[in-house]
Amino acid sequence: ADDYRRAGERQLEVYYQRYVPFDRDHTLAVERR
């Protein structure tokens, strides 16, 4: 389970560093039904 948790942390870290400061688009909805 720790292997999967660390994989999740790596994915979030790489995503964050790629898109920060998250101003390339305007978010209209998140987890929207």
Full PDB file with SEQRES, HELIX, SHEET, SSBOND, CRYST1, ORIGX, SCALE, CONECT and MASTER records, all heavy atoms in Angstrom:
SEQRES   1 A   33  ALA ASP ASP TYR ARG ARG ALA GLY GLU ARG GLN LEU GLU          
SEQRES   2 A   33  VAL TYR TYR GLN ARG TYR VAL PRO PHE ASP ARG ASP HIS          
SEQRES   3 A   33  THR LEU ALA VAL GLU ARG ARG                                  
HELIX    1 AA1 ASP A    2  TYR A   19  1                                  18    
CRYST1    1.000    1.000    1.000  90.00  90.00  90.00 P 1           1          
ORIGX1      1.000000  0.000000  0.000000        0.00000                         
ORIGX2      0.000000  1.000000  0.000000        0.00000                         
ORIGX3      0.000000  0.000000  1.000000        0.00000                         
SCALE1      1.000000  0.000000  0.000000        0.00000                         
SCALE2      0.000000  1.000000  0.000000        0.00000                         
SCALE3      0.000000  0.000000  1.000000        0.00000                         
ATOM      1  N   ALA A   1       0.831  -1.204   0.000  1.00  0.00           N  
ATOM      2  CA  ALA A   1       0.000   0.000   0.000  1.00  0.00           C  
ATOM      3  C   ALA A   1       0.866   1.254   0.000  1.00  0.00           C  
ATOM      4  O   ALA A   1       0.530   2.258  -0.642  1.00  0.00           O  
ATOM      5  CB  ALA A   1      -0.927  -0.018   1.214  1.00  0.00           C  
ATOM      6  N   ASP A   2       1.988   1.215   0.701  1.00  0.00           N  
ATOM      7  CA  ASP A   2       2.887   2.376   0.727  1.00  0.00           C  
ATOM      8  C   ASP A   2       3.466   2.669  -0.657  1.00  0.00           C  
ATOM      9  O   ASP A   2       3.716   3.831  -1.001  1.00  0.00           O  
ATOM     10  CB  ASP A   2       4.018   2.151   1.731  1.00  0.00           C  
ATOM     11  CG  ASP A   2       3.562   2.335   3.169  1.00  0.00           C  
ATOM     12  OD1 ASP A   2       2.504   2.983   3.366  1.00  0.00           O  
ATOM     13  OD2 ASP A   2       4.242   1.836   4.074  1.00  0.00           O  
ATOM     14  N   ASP A   3       3.704   1.624  -1.435  1.00  0.00           N  
ATOM     15  CA  ASP A   3       4.187   1.839  -2.806  1.00  0.00           C  
ATOM     16  C   ASP A   3       3.163   2.642  -3.607  1.00  0.00           C  
ATOM     17  O   ASP A   3       3.521   3.558  -4.355  1.00  0.00           O  
ATOM     18  CB  ASP A   3       4.453   0.503  -3.493  1.00  0.00           C  
ATOM     19  CG  ASP A   3       5.630  -0.239  -2.906  1.00  0.00           C  
ATOM     20  OD1 ASP A   3       6.614   0.420  -2.512  1.00  0.00           O  
ATOM     21  OD2 ASP A   3       5.577  -1.488  -2.830  1.00  0.00           O  
ATOM     22  N   TYR A   4       1.902   2.308  -3.458  1.00  0.00           N  
ATOM     23  CA  TYR A   4       0.854   3.032  -4.177  1.00  0.00           C  
ATOM     24  C   TYR A   4       0.726   4.465  -3.660  1.00  0.00           C  
ATOM     25  O   TYR A   4       0.509   5.396  -4.431  1.00  0.00           O  
ATOM     26  CB  TYR A   4      -0.480   2.297  -4.040  1.00  0.00           C  
ATOM     27  CG  TYR A   4      -0.598   1.092  -4.942  1.00  0.00           C  
ATOM     28  CD1 TYR A   4      -0.194  -0.172  -4.510  1.00  0.00           C  
ATOM     29  CD2 TYR A   4      -1.127   1.212  -6.226  1.00  0.00           C  
ATOM     30  CE1 TYR A   4      -0.300  -1.280  -5.333  1.00  0.00           C  
ATOM     31  CE2 TYR A   4      -1.232   0.103  -7.054  1.00  0.00           C  
ATOM     32  CZ  TYR A   4      -0.817  -1.142  -6.608  1.00  0.00           C  
ATOM     33  OH  TYR A   4      -0.925  -2.236  -7.431  1.00  0.00           O  
ATOM     34  N   ARG A   5       0.838   4.634  -2.346  1.00  0.00           N  
ATOM     35  CA  ARG A   5       0.751   5.988  -1.789  1.00  0.00           C  
ATOM     36  C   ARG A   5       1.879   6.865  -2.315  1.00  0.00           C  
ATOM     37  O   ARG A   5       1.655   8.012  -2.715  1.00  0.00           O  
ATOM     38  CB  ARG A   5       0.791   5.931  -0.257  1.00  0.00           C  
ATOM     39  CG  ARG A   5       0.768   7.307   0.404  1.00  0.00           C  
ATOM     40  CD  ARG A   5       0.898   7.197   1.906  1.00  0.00           C  
ATOM     41  NE  ARG A   5       2.057   6.413   2.312  1.00  0.00           N  
ATOM     42  CZ  ARG A   5       3.312   6.859   2.294  1.00  0.00           C  
ATOM     43  NH1 ARG A   5       3.593   8.076   1.852  1.00  0.00           N  
ATOM     44  NH2 ARG A   5       4.299   6.075   2.693  1.00  0.00           N  
ATOM     45  N   ARG A   6       3.097   6.320  -2.345  1.00  0.00           N  
ATOM     46  CA  ARG A   6       4.228   7.100  -2.854  1.00  0.00           C  
ATOM     47  C   ARG A   6       4.050   7.402  -4.340  1.00  0.00           C  
ATOM     48  O   ARG A   6       4.430   8.471  -4.816  1.00  0.00           O  
ATOM     49  CB  ARG A   6       5.537   6.352  -2.602  1.00  0.00           C  
ATOM     50  CG  ARG A   6       5.986   6.383  -1.142  1.00  0.00           C  
ATOM     51  CD  ARG A   6       7.400   5.853  -0.986  1.00  0.00           C  
ATOM     52  NE  ARG A   6       7.456   4.421  -1.224  1.00  0.00           N  
ATOM     53  CZ  ARG A   6       7.336   3.500  -0.251  1.00  0.00           C  
ATOM     54  NH1 ARG A   6       7.154   3.889   1.001  1.00  0.00           N  
ATOM     55  NH2 ARG A   6       7.411   2.212  -0.530  1.00  0.00           N  
ATOM     56  N   ALA A   7       3.465   6.458  -5.089  1.00  0.00           N  
ATOM     57  CA  ALA A   7       3.202   6.704  -6.510  1.00  0.00           C  
ATOM     58  C   ALA A   7       2.233   7.871  -6.671  1.00  0.00           C  
ATOM     59  O   ALA A   7       2.406   8.724  -7.557  1.00  0.00           O  
ATOM     60  CB  ALA A   7       2.634   5.446  -7.162  1.00  0.00           C  
ATOM     61  N   GLY A   8       1.203   7.924  -5.821  1.00  0.00           N  
ATOM     62  CA  GLY A   8       0.269   9.042  -5.860  1.00  0.00           C  
ATOM     63  C   GLY A   8       0.945  10.362  -5.553  1.00  0.00           C  
ATOM     64  O   GLY A   8       0.672  11.388  -6.203  1.00  0.00           O  
ATOM     65  N   GLU A   9       1.849  10.363  -4.584  1.00  0.00           N  
ATOM     66  CA  GLU A   9       2.580  11.593  -4.253  1.00  0.00           C  
ATOM     67  C   GLU A   9       3.431  12.056  -5.427  1.00  0.00           C  
ATOM     68  O   GLU A   9       3.482  13.252  -5.748  1.00  0.00           O  
ATOM     69  CB  GLU A   9       3.457  11.355  -3.021  1.00  0.00           C  
ATOM     70  CG  GLU A   9       2.670  11.142  -1.738  1.00  0.00           C  
ATOM     71  CD  GLU A   9       3.572  10.836  -0.555  1.00  0.00           C  
ATOM     72  OE1 GLU A   9       4.818  10.892  -0.723  1.00  0.00           O  
ATOM     73  OE2 GLU A   9       3.049  10.529   0.527  1.00  0.00           O  
ATOM     74  N   ARG A  10       4.089  11.098  -6.100  1.00  0.00           N  
ATOM     75  CA  ARG A  10       4.922  11.463  -7.254  1.00  0.00           C  
ATOM     76  C   ARG A  10       4.061  12.042  -8.383  1.00  0.00           C  
ATOM     77  O   ARG A  10       4.445  13.029  -9.018  1.00  0.00           O  
ATOM     78  CB  ARG A  10       5.692  10.241  -7.758  1.00  0.00           C  
ATOM     79  CG  ARG A  10       6.852   9.821  -6.882  1.00  0.00           C  
ATOM     80  CD  ARG A  10       7.760   8.831  -7.609  1.00  0.00           C  
ATOM     81  NE  ARG A  10       7.051   7.601  -7.975  1.00  0.00           N  
ATOM     82  CZ  ARG A  10       6.944   6.543  -7.178  1.00  0.00           C  
ATOM     83  NH1 ARG A  10       7.481   6.576  -5.959  1.00  0.00           N  
ATOM     84  NH2 ARG A  10       6.312   5.459  -7.584  1.00  0.00           N  
ATOM     85  N   GLN A  11       2.919  11.424  -8.637  1.00  0.00           N  
ATOM     86  CA  GLN A  11       2.052  11.928  -9.695  1.00  0.00           C  
ATOM     87  C   GLN A  11       1.596  13.352  -9.408  1.00  0.00           C  
ATOM     88  O   GLN A  11       1.599  14.212 -10.301  1.00  0.00           O  
ATOM     89  CB  GLN A  11       0.844  11.000  -9.852  1.00  0.00           C  
ATOM     90  CG  GLN A  11       1.191   9.629 -10.413  1.00  0.00           C  
ATOM     91  CD  GLN A  11      -0.028   8.741 -10.567  1.00  0.00           C  
ATOM     92  OE1 GLN A  11      -1.160   9.224 -10.540  1.00  0.00           O  
ATOM     93  NE2 GLN A  11       0.187   7.437 -10.730  1.00  0.00           N  
ATOM     94  N   LEU A  12       1.205  13.617  -8.183  1.00  0.00           N  
ATOM     95  CA  LEU A  12       0.752  14.961  -7.809  1.00  0.00           C  
ATOM     96  C   LEU A  12       1.890  15.968  -7.888  1.00  0.00           C  
ATOM     97  O   LEU A  12       1.708  17.108  -8.344  1.00  0.00           O  
ATOM     98  CB  LEU A  12       0.161  14.936  -6.401  1.00  0.00           C  
ATOM     99  CG  LEU A  12      -1.198  14.227  -6.281  1.00  0.00           C  
ATOM    100  CD1 LEU A  12      -1.522  13.969  -4.817  1.00  0.00           C  
ATOM    101  CD2 LEU A  12      -2.296  15.054  -6.937  1.00  0.00           C  
ATOM    102  N   GLU A  13       3.079  15.555  -7.465  1.00  0.00           N  
ATOM    103  CA  GLU A  13       4.231  16.461  -7.504  1.00  0.00           C  
ATOM    104  C   GLU A  13       4.587  16.834  -8.935  1.00  0.00           C  
ATOM    105  O   GLU A  13       4.813  18.014  -9.251  1.00  0.00           O  
ATOM    106  CB  GLU A  13       5.421  15.817  -6.801  1.00  0.00           C  
ATOM    107  CG  GLU A  13       6.654  16.716  -6.732  1.00  0.00           C  
ATOM    108  CD  GLU A  13       7.774  16.095  -5.925  1.00  0.00           C  
ATOM    109  OE1 GLU A  13       7.595  14.989  -5.384  1.00  0.00           O  
ATOM    110  OE2 GLU A  13       8.851  16.737  -5.843  1.00  0.00           O  
ATOM    111  N   VAL A  14       4.630  15.850  -9.821  1.00  0.00           N  
ATOM    112  CA  VAL A  14       4.967  16.119 -11.224  1.00  0.00           C  
ATOM    113  C   VAL A  14       3.897  16.989 -11.869  1.00  0.00           C  
ATOM    114  O   VAL A  14       4.210  17.934 -12.608  1.00  0.00           O  
ATOM    115  CB  VAL A  14       5.134  14.789 -11.995  1.00  0.00           C  
ATOM    116  CG1 VAL A  14       5.239  15.044 -13.491  1.00  0.00           C  
ATOM    117  CG2 VAL A  14       6.363  14.039 -11.498  1.00  0.00           C  
ATOM    118  N   TYR A  15       2.633  16.707 -11.583  1.00  0.00           N  
ATOM    119  CA  TYR A  15       1.540  17.508 -12.148  1.00  0.00           C  
ATOM    120  C   TYR A  15       1.630  18.952 -11.644  1.00  0.00           C  
ATOM    121  O   TYR A  15       1.491  19.908 -12.422  1.00  0.00           O  
ATOM    122  CB  TYR A  15       0.188  16.903 -11.754  1.00  0.00           C  
ATOM    123  CG  TYR A  15      -0.990  17.661 -12.307  1.00  0.00           C  
ATOM    124  CD1 TYR A  15      -1.464  17.409 -13.582  1.00  0.00           C  
ATOM    125  CD2 TYR A  15      -1.631  18.634 -11.552  1.00  0.00           C  
ATOM    126  CE1 TYR A  15      -2.545  18.107 -14.104  1.00  0.00           C  
ATOM    127  CE2 TYR A  15      -2.711  19.343 -12.061  1.00  0.00           C  
ATOM    128  CZ  TYR A  15      -3.163  19.078 -13.335  1.00  0.00           C  
ATOM    129  OH  TYR A  15      -4.234  19.791 -13.847  1.00  0.00           O  
ATOM    130  N   TYR A  16       1.864  19.114 -10.358  1.00  0.00           N  
ATOM    131  CA  TYR A  16       1.956  20.450  -9.771  1.00  0.00           C  
ATOM    132  C   TYR A  16       3.073  21.248 -10.430  1.00  0.00           C  
ATOM    133  O   TYR A  16       2.877  22.409 -10.831  1.00  0.00           O  
ATOM    134  CB  TYR A  16       2.209  20.311  -8.268  1.00  0.00           C  
ATOM    135  CG  TYR A  16       2.222  21.613  -7.500  1.00  0.00           C  
ATOM    136  CD1 TYR A  16       1.099  22.042  -6.811  1.00  0.00           C  
ATOM    137  CD2 TYR A  16       3.374  22.400  -7.431  1.00  0.00           C  
ATOM    138  CE1 TYR A  16       1.105  23.231  -6.087  1.00  0.00           C  
ATOM    139  CE2 TYR A  16       3.396  23.586  -6.725  1.00  0.00           C  
ATOM    140  CZ  TYR A  16       2.256  24.000  -6.051  1.00  0.00           C  
ATOM    141  OH  TYR A  16       2.265  25.175  -5.348  1.00  0.00           O  
ATOM    142  N   GLN A  17       4.244  20.663 -10.531  1.00  0.00           N  
ATOM    143  CA  GLN A  17       5.387  21.383 -11.095  1.00  0.00           C  
ATOM    144  C   GLN A  17       5.187  21.723 -12.572  1.00  0.00           C  
ATOM    145  O   GLN A  17       5.700  22.731 -13.059  1.00  0.00           O  
ATOM    146  CB  GLN A  17       6.653  20.548 -10.910  1.00  0.00           C  
ATOM    147  CG  GLN A  17       7.073  20.423  -9.444  1.00  0.00           C  
ATOM    148  CD  GLN A  17       8.205  19.439  -9.235  1.00  0.00           C  
ATOM    149  OE1 GLN A  17       8.496  18.607 -10.116  1.00  0.00           O  
ATOM    150  NE2 GLN A  17       8.833  19.491  -8.075  1.00  0.00           N  
ATOM    151  N   ARG A  18       4.403  20.919 -13.276  1.00  0.00           N  
ATOM    152  CA  ARG A  18       4.170  21.185 -14.698  1.00  0.00           C  
ATOM    153  C   ARG A  18       3.184  22.336 -14.915  1.00  0.00           C  
ATOM    154  O   ARG A  18       3.360  23.134 -15.845  1.00  0.00           O  
ATOM    155  CB  ARG A  18       3.634  19.923 -15.377  1.00  0.00           C  
ATOM    156  CG  ARG A  18       3.283  20.129 -16.852  1.00  0.00           C  
ATOM    157  CD  ARG A  18       2.947  18.826 -17.544  1.00  0.00           C  
ATOM    158  NE  ARG A  18       2.602  19.023 -18.942  1.00  0.00           N  
ATOM    159  CZ  ARG A  18       2.403  18.042 -19.815  1.00  0.00           C  
ATOM    160  NH1 ARG A  18       2.528  16.780 -19.425  1.00  0.00           N  
ATOM    161  NH2 ARG A  18       2.092  18.309 -21.067  1.00  0.00           N  
ATOM    162  N   TYR A  19       2.163  22.452 -14.048  1.00  0.00           N  
ATOM    163  CA  TYR A  19       1.086  23.399 -14.331  1.00  0.00           C  
ATOM    164  C   TYR A  19       1.040  24.610 -13.403  1.00  0.00           C  
ATOM    165  O   TYR A  19       0.256  25.535 -13.668  1.00  0.00           O  
ATOM    166  CB  TYR A  19      -0.261  22.680 -14.281  1.00  0.00           C  
ATOM    167  CG  TYR A  19      -0.430  21.692 -15.406  1.00  0.00           C  
ATOM    168  CD1 TYR A  19      -0.235  20.325 -15.184  1.00  0.00           C  
ATOM    169  CD2 TYR A  19      -0.761  22.103 -16.692  1.00  0.00           C  
ATOM    170  CE1 TYR A  19      -0.381  19.406 -16.211  1.00  0.00           C  
ATOM    171  CE2 TYR A  19      -0.903  21.190 -17.720  1.00  0.00           C  
ATOM    172  CZ  TYR A  19      -0.709  19.841 -17.473  1.00  0.00           C  
ATOM    173  OH  TYR A  19      -0.850  18.944 -18.502  1.00  0.00           O  
ATOM    174  N   VAL A  20       1.810  24.598 -12.313  1.00  0.00           N  
ATOM    175  CA  VAL A  20       1.822  25.763 -11.441  1.00  0.00           C  
ATOM    176  C   VAL A  20       2.214  27.004 -12.258  1.00  0.00           C  
ATOM    177  O   VAL A  20       3.083  26.918 -13.127  1.00  0.00           O  
ATOM    178  CB  VAL A  20       2.785  25.531 -10.245  1.00  0.00           C  
ATOM    179  CG1 VAL A  20       4.233  25.536 -10.691  1.00  0.00           C  
ATOM    180  CG2 VAL A  20       2.538  26.511  -9.124  1.00  0.00           C  
ATOM    181  N   PRO A  21       1.568  28.150 -12.099  1.00  0.00           N  
ATOM    182  CA  PRO A  21       0.577  28.561 -11.085  1.00  0.00           C  
ATOM    183  C   PRO A  21      -0.883  28.316 -11.497  1.00  0.00           C  
ATOM    184  O   PRO A  21      -1.787  29.001 -10.999  1.00  0.00           O  
ATOM    185  CB  PRO A  21       0.857  30.048 -10.933  1.00  0.00           C  
ATOM    186  CG  PRO A  21       1.259  30.482 -12.314  1.00  0.00           C  
ATOM    187  CD  PRO A  21       2.023  29.310 -12.893  1.00  0.00           C  
ATOM    188  N   PHE A  22      -1.135  27.397 -12.416  1.00  0.00           N  
ATOM    189  CA  PHE A  22      -2.493  26.964 -12.763  1.00  0.00           C  
ATOM    190  C   PHE A  22      -3.337  28.105 -13.336  1.00  0.00           C  
ATOM    191  O   PHE A  22      -4.518  28.252 -13.022  1.00  0.00           O  
ATOM    192  CB  PHE A  22      -3.191  26.353 -11.540  1.00  0.00           C  
ATOM    193  CG  PHE A  22      -2.371  25.293 -10.867  1.00  0.00           C  
ATOM    194  CD1 PHE A  22      -1.673  25.563  -9.693  1.00  0.00           C  
ATOM    195  CD2 PHE A  22      -2.238  24.033 -11.433  1.00  0.00           C  
ATOM    196  CE1 PHE A  22      -0.892  24.598  -9.078  1.00  0.00           C  
ATOM    197  CE2 PHE A  22      -1.459  23.053 -10.828  1.00  0.00           C  
ATOM    198  CZ  PHE A  22      -0.780  23.333  -9.653  1.00  0.00           C  
ATOM    199  N   ASP A  23      -2.695  28.891 -14.199  1.00  0.00           N  
ATOM    200  CA  ASP A  23      -3.391  30.024 -14.807  1.00  0.00           C  
ATOM    201  C   ASP A  23      -3.499  29.898 -16.327  1.00  0.00           C  
ATOM    202  O   ASP A  23      -3.762  30.878 -17.022  1.00  0.00           O  
ATOM    203  CB  ASP A  23      -2.669  31.332 -14.449  1.00  0.00           C  
ATOM    204  CG  ASP A  23      -1.202  31.329 -14.892  1.00  0.00           C  
ATOM    205  OD1 ASP A  23      -0.733  30.296 -15.440  1.00  0.00           O  
ATOM    206  OD2 ASP A  23      -0.524  32.350 -14.673  1.00  0.00           O  
ATOM    207  N   ARG A  24      -3.294  28.676 -16.859  1.00  0.00           N  
ATOM    208  CA  ARG A  24      -3.377  28.495 -18.308  1.00  0.00           C  
ATOM    209  C   ARG A  24      -4.816  28.427 -18.790  1.00  0.00           C  
ATOM    210  O   ARG A  24      -5.077  28.550 -19.991  1.00  0.00           O  
ATOM    211  CB  ARG A  24      -2.649  27.214 -18.726  1.00  0.00           C  
ATOM    212  CG  ARG A  24      -1.207  27.162 -18.276  1.00  0.00           C  
ATOM    213  CD  ARG A  24      -0.533  25.883 -18.756  1.00  0.00           C  
ATOM    214  NE  ARG A  24       0.743  25.667 -18.098  1.00  0.00           N  
ATOM    215  CZ  ARG A  24       1.559  24.658 -18.364  1.00  0.00           C  
ATOM    216  NH1 ARG A  24       1.217  23.760 -19.283  1.00  0.00           N  
ATOM    217  NH2 ARG A  24       2.703  24.521 -17.713  1.00  0.00           N  
ATOM    218  N   ASP A  25      -5.740  28.173 -17.868  1.00  0.00           N  
ATOM    219  CA  ASP A  25      -7.150  28.114 -18.227  1.00  0.00           C  
ATOM    220  C   ASP A  25      -7.979  28.546 -17.034  1.00  0.00           C  
ATOM    221  O   ASP A  25      -7.462  28.720 -15.924  1.00  0.00           O  
ATOM    222  CB  ASP A  25      -7.539  26.689 -18.669  1.00  0.00           C  
ATOM    223  CG  ASP A  25      -7.178  25.644 -17.627  1.00  0.00           C  
ATOM    224  OD1 ASP A  25      -7.619  25.769 -16.466  1.00  0.00           O  
ATOM    225  OD2 ASP A  25      -6.425  24.705 -17.958  1.00  0.00           O  
ATOM    226  N   HIS A  26      -9.268  28.702 -17.271  1.00  0.00           N  
ATOM    227  CA  HIS A  26     -10.187  29.074 -16.202  1.00  0.00           C  
ATOM    228  C   HIS A  26     -11.056  27.868 -15.862  1.00  0.00           C  
ATOM    229  O   HIS A  26     -11.732  27.308 -16.732  1.00  0.00           O  
ATOM    230  CB  HIS A  26     -11.075  30.244 -16.649  1.00  0.00           C  
ATOM    231  CG  HIS A  26     -12.144  30.592 -15.660  1.00  0.00           C  
ATOM    232  ND1 HIS A  26     -11.870  31.152 -14.440  1.00  0.00           N  
ATOM    233  CD2 HIS A  26     -13.501  30.428 -15.708  1.00  0.00           C  
ATOM    234  CE1 HIS A  26     -12.993  31.341 -13.779  1.00  0.00           C  
ATOM    235  NE2 HIS A  26     -14.006  30.906 -14.531  1.00  0.00           N  
ATOM    236  N   THR A  27     -11.031  27.455 -14.607  1.00  0.00           N  
ATOM    237  CA  THR A  27     -11.811  26.294 -14.177  1.00  0.00           C  
ATOM    238  C   THR A  27     -13.272  26.682 -14.012  1.00  0.00           C  
ATOM    239  O   THR A  27     -13.613  27.571 -13.231  1.00  0.00           O  
ATOM    240  CB  THR A  27     -11.261  25.728 -12.865  1.00  0.00           C  
ATOM    241  OG1 THR A  27      -9.924  25.254 -13.074  1.00  0.00           O  
ATOM    242  CG2 THR A  27     -12.125  24.572 -12.369  1.00  0.00           C  
ATOM    243  N   LEU A  28     -14.136  25.980 -14.755  1.00  0.00           N  
ATOM    244  CA  LEU A  28     -15.578  26.233 -14.692  1.00  0.00           C  
ATOM    245  C   LEU A  28     -16.268  25.318 -13.686  1.00  0.00           C  
ATOM    246  O   LEU A  28     -17.253  25.712 -13.061  1.00  0.00           O  
ATOM    247  CB  LEU A  28     -16.202  26.022 -16.076  1.00  0.00           C  
ATOM    248  CG  LEU A  28     -15.664  26.916 -17.196  1.00  0.00           C  
ATOM    249  CD1 LEU A  28     -16.165  26.427 -18.549  1.00  0.00           C  
ATOM    250  CD2 LEU A  28     -16.085  28.361 -16.964  1.00  0.00           C  
ATOM    251  N   ALA A  29     -15.782  24.107 -13.556  1.00  0.00           N  
ATOM    252  CA  ALA A  29     -16.405  23.151 -12.640  1.00  0.00           C  
ATOM    253  C   ALA A  29     -15.399  22.068 -12.277  1.00  0.00           C  
ATOM    254  O   ALA A  29     -14.518  21.733 -13.069  1.00  0.00           O  
ATOM    255  CB  ALA A  29     -17.646  22.519 -13.281  1.00  0.00           C  
ATOM    256  N   VAL A  30     -15.547  21.527 -11.067  1.00  0.00           N  
ATOM    257  CA  VAL A  30     -14.701  20.437 -10.589  1.00  0.00           C  
ATOM    258  C   VAL A  30     -15.614  19.351 -10.018  1.00  0.00           C  
ATOM    259  O   VAL A  30     -16.511  19.635  -9.220  1.00  0.00           O  
ATOM    260  CB  VAL A  30     -13.711  20.917  -9.504  1.00  0.00           C  
ATOM    261  CG1 VAL A  30     -12.811  19.773  -9.062  1.00  0.00           C  
ATOM    262  CG2 VAL A  30     -12.880  22.076 -10.014  1.00  0.00           C  
ATOM    263  N   GLU A  31     -15.382  18.093 -10.442  1.00  0.00           N  
ATOM    264  CA  GLU A  31     -16.202  16.968  -9.985  1.00  0.00           C  
ATOM    265  C   GLU A  31     -17.687  17.302 -10.124  1.00  0.00           C  
ATOM    266  O   GLU A  31     -18.482  17.125  -9.201  1.00  0.00           O  
ATOM    267  CB  GLU A  31     -15.862  16.594  -8.541  1.00  0.00           C  
ATOM    268  CG  GLU A  31     -14.435  16.096  -8.352  1.00  0.00           C  
ATOM    269  CD  GLU A  31     -14.156  14.783  -9.087  1.00  0.00           C  
ATOM    270  OE1 GLU A  31     -15.120  14.012  -9.290  1.00  0.00           O  
ATOM    271  OE2 GLU A  31     -12.985  14.543  -9.446  1.00  0.00           O  
ATOM    272  N   ARG A  32     -18.053  17.762 -11.315  1.00  0.00           N  
ATOM    273  CA  ARG A  32     -19.424  18.217 -11.575  1.00  0.00           C  
ATOM    274  C   ARG A  32     -20.278  17.076 -12.138  1.00  0.00           C  
ATOM    275  O   ARG A  32     -19.908  16.431 -13.115  1.00  0.00           O  
ATOM    276  CB  ARG A  32     -19.385  19.380 -12.564  1.00  0.00           C  
ATOM    277  CG  ARG A  32     -20.718  19.818 -13.143  1.00  0.00           C  
ATOM    278  CD  ARG A  32     -21.632  20.445 -12.104  1.00  0.00           C  
ATOM    279  NE  ARG A  32     -22.902  20.845 -12.693  1.00  0.00           N  
ATOM    280  CZ  ARG A  32     -23.166  22.077 -13.139  1.00  0.00           C  
ATOM    281  NH1 ARG A  32     -22.242  23.026 -13.066  1.00  0.00           N  
ATOM    282  NH2 ARG A  32     -24.347  22.366 -13.649  1.00  0.00           N  
ATOM    283  N   ARG A  33     -21.427  16.848 -11.507  1.00  0.00           N  
ATOM    284  CA  ARG A  33     -22.385  15.870 -12.018  1.00  0.00           C  
ATOM    285  C   ARG A  33     -23.177  16.498 -13.154  1.00  0.00           C  
ATOM    286  O   ARG A  33     -23.671  17.628 -13.031  1.00  0.00           O  
ATOM    287  CB  ARG A  33     -23.328  15.427 -10.912  1.00  0.00           C  
ATOM    288  CG  ARG A  33     -24.412  14.446 -11.341  1.00  0.00           C  
ATOM    289  CD  ARG A  33     -25.274  14.091 -10.135  1.00  0.00           C  
ATOM    290  NE  ARG A  33     -26.352  13.169 -10.471  1.00  0.00           N  
ATOM    291  CZ  ARG A  33     -27.576  13.553 -10.835  1.00  0.00           C  
ATOM    292  NH1 ARG A  33     -27.868  14.843 -10.936  1.00  0.00           N  
ATOM    293  NH2 ARG A  33     -28.504  12.646 -11.106  1.00  0.00           N  
TER     294      ARG A  33                                                      
MASTER        0    0    0    1    0    0    0    6  293    1    0    3          
END                                                                             
